[in-house]
Amino acid sequence: MWGSWIFGVVAEGRLVGTNGGYGQMNRYDYLFEIDCLDRAERLDREGHPDEDVKKRIEEFEKSK
């Protein structure tokens, strides 16, 4: 599907809330507030690292 990507992320943050009311239809008790995004990686449809994107990133970083 064009314009639709899957990412795996590692983020630091905290859970806030006590009485719920978060998320779709207020179904969740807590909200995760992100303080810092450590890394993000584009994944393929099966949830594995996208090797083509990974290769282009490595080439870009080598060119710096």
C-alpha atoms as a PDB file:
ATOM      1  CA  MET A   1       0.000   0.000   0.000  1.00  0.00           C
ATOM      2  CA  TRP A   2       1.495   3.334  -1.028  1.00  0.00           C
ATOM      3  CA  GLY A   3       2.147   5.767   1.797  1.00  0.00           C
ATOM      4  CA  SER A   4       1.748   3.170   4.512  1.00  0.00           C
ATOM      5  CA  TRP A   5       4.836   2.081   6.470  1.00  0.00           C
ATOM      6  CA  ILE A   6       5.579   0.066   9.586  1.00  0.00           C
ATOM      7  CA  PHE A   7       8.235   1.208  12.037  1.00  0.00           C
ATOM      8  CA  GLY A   8       9.813  -0.385  15.074  1.00  0.00           C
ATOM      9  CA  VAL A   9      10.768   2.189  17.686  1.00  0.00           C
ATOM     10  CA  VAL A  10      12.624   2.363  20.981  1.00  0.00           C
ATOM     11  CA  ALA A  11      11.410   5.258  23.082  1.00  0.00           C
ATOM     12  CA  GLU A  12      11.841   6.493  26.645  1.00  0.00           C
ATOM     13  CA  GLY A  13       8.872   7.887  28.480  1.00  0.00           C
ATOM     14  CA  ARG A  14       6.356   7.261  31.200  1.00  0.00           C
ATOM     15  CA  LEU A  15       2.840   5.987  31.711  1.00  0.00           C
ATOM     16  CA  VAL A  16       0.425   8.601  33.037  1.00  0.00           C
ATOM     17  CA  GLY A  17      -3.177   8.378  34.156  1.00  0.00           C
ATOM     18  CA  THR A  18      -5.291   6.614  36.726  1.00  0.00           C
ATOM     19  CA  ASN A  19      -8.921   6.584  35.701  1.00  0.00           C
ATOM     20  CA  GLY A  20      -8.606   5.679  32.051  1.00  0.00           C
ATOM     21  CA  GLY A  21     -10.031   7.599  29.166  1.00  0.00           C
ATOM     22  CA  TYR A  22      -7.055   7.213  26.824  1.00  0.00           C
ATOM     23  CA  GLY A  23      -6.778   5.815  23.324  1.00  0.00           C
ATOM     24  CA  GLN A  24      -9.450   4.800  20.879  1.00  0.00           C
ATOM     25  CA  MET A  25     -12.881   4.914  22.468  1.00  0.00           C
ATOM     26  CA  ASN A  26     -11.236   5.733  25.846  1.00  0.00           C
ATOM     27  CA  ARG A  27     -10.437   2.034  26.361  1.00  0.00           C
ATOM     28  CA  TYR A  28      -7.045   2.382  28.061  1.00  0.00           C
ATOM     29  CA  ASP A  29      -6.173   3.217  31.651  1.00  0.00           C
ATOM     30  CA  TYR A  30      -2.827   4.835  30.837  1.00  0.00           C
ATOM     31  CA  LEU A  31      -1.203   7.069  28.240  1.00  0.00           C
ATOM     32  CA  PHE A  32       2.450   6.593  27.245  1.00  0.00           C
ATOM     33  CA  GLU A  33       4.136  10.013  26.970  1.00  0.00           C
ATOM     34  CA  ILE A  34       7.350   9.848  24.959  1.00  0.00           C
ATOM     35  CA  ASP A  35      10.262  11.919  26.287  1.00  0.00           C
ATOM     36  CA  CYS A  36      12.951  10.706  23.900  1.00  0.00           C
ATOM     37  CA  LEU A  37      12.980   8.615  20.733  1.00  0.00           C
ATOM     38  CA  ASP A  38      16.109   6.458  20.873  1.00  0.00           C
ATOM     39  CA  ARG A  39      15.753   4.960  17.411  1.00  0.00           C
ATOM     40  CA  ALA A  40      13.260   4.093  14.720  1.00  0.00           C
ATOM     41  CA  GLU A  41      13.623   1.513  11.986  1.00  0.00           C
ATOM     42  CA  ARG A  42      11.408   0.900   8.985  1.00  0.00           C
ATOM     43  CA  LEU A  43      10.109  -2.673   8.890  1.00  0.00           C
ATOM     44  CA  ASP A  44       8.714  -4.834   6.101  1.00  0.00           C
ATOM     45  CA  ARG A  45       5.166  -6.194   6.194  1.00  0.00           C
ATOM     46  CA  GLU A  46       6.225  -9.153   8.353  1.00  0.00           C
ATOM     47  CA  GLY A  47       7.869  -6.909  10.957  1.00  0.00           C
ATOM     48  CA  HIS A  48      11.463  -7.541   9.855  1.00  0.00           C
ATOM     49  CA  PRO A  49      13.986  -4.769   9.122  1.00  0.00           C
ATOM     50  CA  ASP A  50      13.562  -3.402   5.584  1.00  0.00           C
ATOM     51  CA  GLU A  51      16.934  -4.379   4.075  1.00  0.00           C
ATOM     52  CA  ASP A  52      16.689  -1.947   1.130  1.00  0.00           C
ATOM     53  CA  VAL A  53      16.143   1.026   3.434  1.00  0.00           C
ATOM     54  CA  LYS A  54      18.820  -0.236   5.820  1.00  0.00           C
ATOM     55  CA  LYS A  55      21.331  -0.428   2.934  1.00  0.00           C
ATOM     56  CA  ARG A  56      20.545   3.129   1.785  1.00  0.00           C
ATOM     57  CA  ILE A  57      20.940   4.479   5.329  1.00  0.00           C
ATOM     58  CA  GLU A  58      24.329   2.759   5.696  1.00  0.00           C
ATOM     59  CA  GLU A  59      25.490   4.220   2.343  1.00  0.00           C
ATOM     60  CA  PHE A  60      24.318   7.685   3.396  1.00  0.00           C
ATOM     61  CA  GLU A  61      26.118   7.465   6.743  1.00  0.00           C
ATOM     62  CA  LYS A  62      29.350   6.368   5.018  1.00  0.00           C
ATOM     63  CA  SER A  63      29.177   9.390   2.705  1.00  0.00           C
ATOM     64  CA  LYS A  64      29.287  11.900   5.603  1.00  0.00           C
END
